[in-house]
Amino acid sequence: MKISTTELLIVLAVVIVIFGPTQIPKLTKMMGKSIKNLRAGMSEGDEEKKDKTEE
């Protein structure tokens, strides 16, 4: 499923209307932290899985 440019622009416009332009940087910062934590958790899970299979 691909998102077209028009759909992306509509979503961005709705986000700006709902949250306002002053809240967008805060939202993107929170999203970045969430993704970083998710990736860190996934890599920790992979490491634990490797350790269990080696034993």
N, C-alpha and C. Protein backbone atom coordinates (compact mmCIF):
# COMPACT_ATOMS: atom_id res chain seq x y z
N MET A 1 0.85 -1.18 0.00
CA MET A 1 0.00 0.00 0.00
C MET A 1 0.89 1.23 0.00
N LYS A 2 0.78 2.01 -1.03
CA LYS A 2 1.58 3.21 -1.16
C LYS A 2 0.73 4.43 -0.84
N ILE A 3 1.37 5.41 -0.22
CA ILE A 3 0.69 6.67 0.08
C ILE A 3 1.10 7.67 -0.99
N SER A 4 0.13 8.24 -1.66
CA SER A 4 0.44 9.21 -2.70
C SER A 4 0.75 10.57 -2.09
N THR A 5 1.27 11.46 -2.89
CA THR A 5 1.63 12.80 -2.44
C THR A 5 0.39 13.56 -1.97
N THR A 6 -0.70 13.41 -2.69
CA THR A 6 -1.93 14.10 -2.32
C THR A 6 -2.43 13.63 -0.96
N GLU A 7 -2.41 12.34 -0.72
CA GLU A 7 -2.86 11.82 0.57
C GLU A 7 -1.97 12.31 1.70
N LEU A 8 -0.68 12.35 1.45
CA LEU A 8 0.26 12.82 2.46
C LEU A 8 0.01 14.29 2.79
N LEU A 9 -0.23 15.10 1.78
CA LEU A 9 -0.52 16.52 2.00
C LEU A 9 -1.82 16.72 2.78
N ILE A 10 -2.81 15.91 2.50
CA ILE A 10 -4.08 16.01 3.22
C ILE A 10 -3.88 15.66 4.69
N VAL A 11 -3.13 14.59 4.96
CA VAL A 11 -2.85 14.20 6.34
C VAL A 11 -2.08 15.29 7.07
N LEU A 12 -1.07 15.85 6.43
CA LEU A 12 -0.29 16.93 7.06
C LEU A 12 -1.16 18.16 7.33
N ALA A 13 -2.05 18.50 6.41
CA ALA A 13 -2.94 19.64 6.62
C ALA A 13 -3.86 19.40 7.80
N VAL A 14 -4.38 18.20 7.93
CA VAL A 14 -5.27 17.87 9.04
C VAL A 14 -4.50 17.95 10.37
N VAL A 15 -3.28 17.46 10.38
CA VAL A 15 -2.47 17.51 11.59
C VAL A 15 -2.21 18.95 11.99
N ILE A 16 -1.90 19.80 11.04
CA ILE A 16 -1.66 21.22 11.35
C ILE A 16 -2.92 21.88 11.87
N VAL A 17 -4.05 21.56 11.30
CA VAL A 17 -5.31 22.16 11.76
C VAL A 17 -5.64 21.70 13.18
N ILE A 18 -5.43 20.41 13.46
CA ILE A 18 -5.78 19.87 14.78
C ILE A 18 -4.83 20.37 15.86
N PHE A 19 -3.53 20.26 15.61
CA PHE A 19 -2.56 20.56 16.66
C PHE A 19 -2.00 21.97 16.59
N GLY A 20 -2.10 22.62 15.48
CA GLY A 20 -1.55 23.96 15.34
C GLY A 20 -0.08 23.92 15.00
N PRO A 21 0.41 24.95 14.35
CA PRO A 21 1.81 24.95 13.91
C PRO A 21 2.81 25.00 15.05
N THR A 22 2.41 25.46 16.22
CA THR A 22 3.36 25.54 17.34
C THR A 22 3.59 24.19 17.99
N GLN A 23 2.66 23.26 17.85
CA GLN A 23 2.79 21.95 18.47
C GLN A 23 3.50 20.93 17.60
N ILE A 24 3.66 21.20 16.32
CA ILE A 24 4.25 20.25 15.38
C ILE A 24 5.68 19.87 15.79
N PRO A 25 6.56 20.83 16.15
CA PRO A 25 7.92 20.40 16.56
C PRO A 25 7.91 19.49 17.79
N LYS A 26 7.02 19.74 18.73
CA LYS A 26 6.93 18.89 19.91
C LYS A 26 6.49 17.48 19.52
N LEU A 27 5.52 17.40 18.63
CA LEU A 27 5.03 16.09 18.18
C LEU A 27 6.12 15.31 17.46
N THR A 28 6.86 15.98 16.59
CA THR A 28 7.91 15.26 15.85
C THR A 28 9.02 14.80 16.79
N LYS A 29 9.33 15.60 17.80
CA LYS A 29 10.35 15.21 18.77
C LYS A 29 9.89 13.98 19.56
N MET A 30 8.63 13.97 19.97
CA MET A 30 8.10 12.81 20.70
C MET A 30 8.08 11.57 19.81
N MET A 31 7.73 11.74 18.54
CA MET A 31 7.71 10.60 17.62
C MET A 31 9.12 10.05 17.44
N GLY A 32 10.11 10.92 17.32
CA GLY A 32 11.49 10.48 17.17
C GLY A 32 11.96 9.69 18.37
N LYS A 33 11.64 10.18 19.57
CA LYS A 33 12.02 9.47 20.79
C LYS A 33 11.33 8.11 20.86
N SER A 34 10.07 8.07 20.48
CA SER A 34 9.33 6.81 20.51
C SER A 34 9.93 5.78 19.57
N ILE A 35 10.27 6.21 18.37
CA ILE A 35 10.88 5.30 17.40
C ILE A 35 12.23 4.82 17.89
N LYS A 36 13.01 5.73 18.48
CA LYS A 36 14.33 5.35 19.00
C LYS A 36 14.19 4.31 20.10
N ASN A 37 13.23 4.51 21.03
CA ASN A 37 13.01 3.56 22.11
C ASN A 37 12.51 2.22 21.57
N LEU A 38 11.67 2.25 20.57
CA LEU A 38 11.15 1.03 19.97
C LEU A 38 12.28 0.22 19.34
N ARG A 39 13.15 0.90 18.60
CA ARG A 39 14.27 0.19 17.97
C ARG A 39 15.22 -0.38 19.01
N ALA A 40 15.47 0.39 20.08
CA ALA A 40 16.35 -0.10 21.15
C ALA A 40 15.74 -1.33 21.81
N GLY A 41 14.45 -1.31 22.06
CA GLY A 41 13.78 -2.46 22.65
C GLY A 41 13.81 -3.68 21.75
N MET A 42 13.65 -3.45 20.46
CA MET A 42 13.68 -4.56 19.52
C MET A 42 15.06 -5.18 19.45
N SER A 43 16.11 -4.35 19.47
CA SER A 43 17.46 -4.90 19.40
C SER A 43 17.82 -5.64 20.69
N GLU A 44 17.32 -5.16 21.84
CA GLU A 44 17.54 -5.87 23.09
C GLU A 44 16.87 -7.23 23.06
N GLY A 45 15.69 -7.29 22.49
CA GLY A 45 14.98 -8.55 22.37
C GLY A 45 15.72 -9.52 21.47
N ASP A 46 16.28 -9.01 20.38
CA ASP A 46 17.06 -9.86 19.47
C ASP A 46 18.30 -10.42 20.16
N GLU A 47 18.97 -9.57 20.95
CA GLU A 47 20.17 -10.01 21.67
C GLU A 47 19.83 -11.10 22.68
N GLU A 48 18.73 -10.93 23.40
CA GLU A 48 18.31 -11.94 24.37
C GLU A 48 17.97 -13.24 23.67
N LYS A 49 17.33 -13.14 22.54
CA LYS A 49 16.96 -14.34 21.78
C LYS A 49 18.20 -15.08 21.30
N LYS A 50 19.23 -14.35 20.85
CA LYS A 50 20.48 -14.97 20.42
C LYS A 50 21.18 -15.64 21.59
N ASP A 51 21.17 -14.97 22.75
CA ASP A 51 21.83 -15.55 23.93
C ASP A 51 21.16 -16.86 24.33
N LYS A 52 19.84 -16.92 24.27
CA LYS A 52 19.12 -18.14 24.67
C LYS A 52 19.39 -19.27 23.69
N THR A 53 19.51 -18.96 22.41
CA THR A 53 19.73 -20.01 21.43
C THR A 53 21.16 -20.53 21.49
N GLU A 54 22.12 -19.70 21.94
CA GLU A 54 23.50 -20.14 22.04
C GLU A 54 23.70 -21.05 23.25
N GLU A 55 22.87 -20.93 24.26
CA GLU A 55 23.03 -21.74 25.48
C GLU A 55 22.51 -23.10 25.30
